[in-house]
Protein backbone atom coordinates (compact mmCIF):
# COMPACT_ATOMS: atom_id res chain seq x y z
CA MET A 1 -5.75 8.51 63.14
CA ALA A 2 -7.56 6.06 61.13
CA ASP A 3 -11.06 4.84 60.67
CA THR A 4 -11.99 2.09 63.13
CA VAL A 5 -13.34 -0.65 61.02
CA THR A 6 -14.34 -4.46 61.67
CA THR A 7 -14.98 -7.29 59.26
CA ILE A 8 -16.60 -10.35 60.85
CA VAL A 9 -17.10 -13.67 58.72
CA LEU A 10 -20.53 -15.05 59.19
CA ARG A 11 -20.40 -17.79 56.87
CA ASP A 12 -17.52 -19.48 54.90
CA ASP A 13 -18.52 -22.80 53.19
CA ASN A 14 -17.96 -24.42 49.93
CA SER A 15 -20.13 -21.92 48.20
CA HIS A 16 -20.99 -19.02 50.18
CA TYR A 17 -19.06 -16.35 51.89
CA VAL A 18 -21.01 -13.83 54.19
CA ILE A 19 -19.32 -10.95 56.10
CA HIS A 20 -20.62 -8.05 58.37
CA CYS A 21 -18.58 -4.93 58.09
CA THR A 22 -18.60 -1.69 60.19
CA ASN A 23 -16.97 1.66 60.11
CA VAL A 24 -16.61 4.54 62.28
CA SER A 25 -14.71 7.37 60.50
CA ASP A 26 -12.20 9.71 61.69
CA GLY A 27 -12.91 12.04 58.83
CA THR A 28 -10.80 10.44 56.35
CA GLY A 29 -13.14 7.85 54.73
CA GLU A 30 -11.95 4.64 52.91
CA SER A 31 -11.08 4.38 49.06
CA ALA A 32 -11.43 0.75 47.48
CA VAL A 33 -10.75 -1.15 50.59
CA ILE A 34 -10.78 -4.75 50.05
CA LYS A 35 -13.75 -6.37 52.10
CA ALA A 36 -13.83 -9.71 50.58
CA ASN A 37 -10.77 -11.16 49.30
CA ILE A 38 -11.13 -14.12 47.01
CA SER A 39 -7.63 -15.25 46.93
CA THR A 40 -7.88 -16.31 50.78
CA LEU A 41 -10.88 -18.62 50.30
CA THR A 42 -11.44 -22.22 48.80
CA MET A 43 -14.41 -24.05 47.57
CA ALA A 44 -15.29 -27.61 47.00
CA ASP A 45 -14.35 -29.37 43.89
CA ASN A 46 -17.61 -31.35 43.05
CA GLY A 47 -15.84 -33.53 40.53
CA HIS A 48 -14.59 -37.07 41.07
CA ASN A 49 -11.44 -36.12 42.99
CA GLN A 50 -13.22 -34.39 45.73
CA GLY A 51 -10.53 -31.93 46.52
CA THR A 52 -10.71 -28.20 46.78
CA LYS A 53 -10.48 -25.50 44.18
CA VAL A 54 -9.73 -21.83 44.48
CA PRO A 55 -12.70 -19.49 43.41
CA VAL A 56 -11.88 -16.60 41.01
CA SER A 57 -14.78 -14.15 41.58
CA PHE A 58 -18.00 -13.37 43.73
CA GLN A 59 -21.64 -13.39 42.70
CA VAL A 60 -23.40 -10.69 44.84
CA GLU A 61 -26.62 -12.25 46.15
CA LYS A 62 -27.78 -9.77 48.89
CA VAL A 63 -26.58 -6.75 50.63
CA CYS A 64 -28.19 -4.69 53.46
CA GLY A 65 -27.15 -2.16 56.04
CA ASN A 66 -27.16 1.59 57.35
CA VAL A 67 -24.94 4.47 56.58
CA MET A 68 -24.71 7.19 59.12
CA GLY A 69 -23.61 10.79 58.71
CA THR A 70 -24.04 13.90 56.71
CA ALA A 71 -21.19 15.84 55.12
CA ALA A 72 -20.52 18.82 57.17
CA THR A 73 -19.76 21.07 54.13
CA THR A 74 -22.59 20.31 51.87
CA LEU A 75 -25.05 18.77 54.20
CA GLU A 76 -25.55 15.81 51.71
CA PRO A 77 -25.81 12.35 52.90
CA VAL A 78 -22.47 10.54 52.95
CA GLY A 79 -22.39 7.69 50.46
CA LEU A 80 -20.93 3.95 50.33
CA LYS A 81 -19.89 2.37 47.01
CA PHE A 82 -19.53 -1.26 46.34
CA ALA A 83 -17.44 -2.42 43.37
CA PHE A 84 -15.84 -5.52 41.82
CA ASP A 85 -12.05 -4.90 42.07
CA ALA A 86 -10.47 -4.30 38.69
CA ALA A 87 -7.93 -1.94 36.95
CA THR A 88 -11.02 0.28 36.77
CA ASP A 89 -13.42 -1.05 39.32
CA ASP A 90 -16.87 -2.04 38.16
CA THR A 91 -19.33 -0.40 40.62
CA PHE A 92 -22.39 -2.37 41.40
CA LEU A 93 -23.99 -0.41 44.29
CA TYR A 94 -23.82 3.15 45.56
CA VAL A 95 -26.00 3.86 48.69
CA GLY A 96 -26.45 7.41 50.29
CA GLY A 97 -27.38 7.91 53.90
CA GLY A 98 -29.68 5.73 55.80
CA GLU A 99 -30.90 2.11 55.69
CA PHE A 100 -30.53 0.14 52.58
CA SER A 101 -31.51 -3.37 51.32
CA TYR A 102 -30.99 -5.11 47.89
CA ASP A 103 -31.66 -8.91 47.30
CA TRP A 104 -30.37 -9.94 43.74
CA ARG A 105 -30.93 -13.72 44.41
CA ALA A 106 -34.21 -14.04 42.33
CA GLU A 107 -32.24 -12.64 39.37
CA GLY A 108 -29.36 -15.00 39.94
CA GLY A 109 -27.24 -12.45 41.82
CA LEU A 110 -24.93 -9.94 40.33
CA THR A 111 -21.99 -11.33 38.38
CA ASP A 112 -18.49 -9.96 38.43
CA PRO A 113 -17.96 -9.01 34.83
CA ARG A 114 -14.18 -9.76 35.21
CA SER A 115 -12.82 -6.63 33.64
CA THR A 116 -9.33 -6.01 32.69
CA THR A 117 -7.23 -7.14 35.45
CA PHE A 118 -10.08 -8.15 37.53
CA THR A 119 -8.99 -9.56 41.03
CA GLY A 120 -12.26 -11.20 42.03
CA ASP A 121 -12.25 -9.13 45.38
CA ILE A 122 -15.05 -6.89 46.61
CA VAL A 123 -13.99 -3.28 47.25
CA VAL A 124 -15.80 -0.60 49.23
CA THR A 125 -15.19 3.17 49.12
CA PHE A 126 -16.64 5.28 52.06
CA ASP A 127 -17.36 8.73 51.09
CA ALA A 128 -14.34 11.16 51.29
CA LYS A 129 -17.13 13.74 52.53
CA ALA A 130 -17.48 11.78 55.79
CA VAL A 131 -16.55 13.64 59.12
CA ALA A 132 -15.58 12.23 62.29
CA GLY A 133 -18.07 9.75 63.65
CA ASP A 134 -19.90 9.07 60.47
CA GLY A 135 -19.73 5.33 59.67
CA TYR A 136 -21.70 2.28 58.28
CA SER A 137 -22.65 -1.01 59.13
CA PHE A 138 -23.57 -3.65 56.47
CA THR A 139 -23.80 -7.44 55.79
CA LEU A 140 -22.94 -8.92 52.46
CA TRP A 141 -23.81 -12.19 50.89
CA LEU A 142 -21.85 -13.53 48.38
CA ARG A 143 -21.53 -16.74 46.27
CA LYS A 144 -18.11 -18.26 45.31
CA LYS A 145 -17.54 -18.68 41.52
CA ALA A 146 -14.83 -20.90 39.88
């Protein structure tokens, strides 16, 4: 069996990419699963040639959602980790059970540090402590960066 997951694109324009993701776990969780794949996107080239260019990373503007479930063996809330994908992922947020909302727009967003062998993608890990029926739902607002 496998987790039941969805990723719905809410916005994909010249500068922004917004997705809504859900997961209902079968008890196995997810490990560094790509939720936002930069290599599949384009953005406008605002130069004189008016063509398109390929973004190389994301800037995280906002994320909000809910993590549902409690690990059966420890009674701890299950967790959800967000990271910039690289040889060693750069975690930018870890949330436990319950509702969450983080908005970094006033600070200019969270910038991918572009660590060794970065891919530009956003990956998510859903706690391995998850049991069948645990899950999450979140919306992620991203800005494309060249």
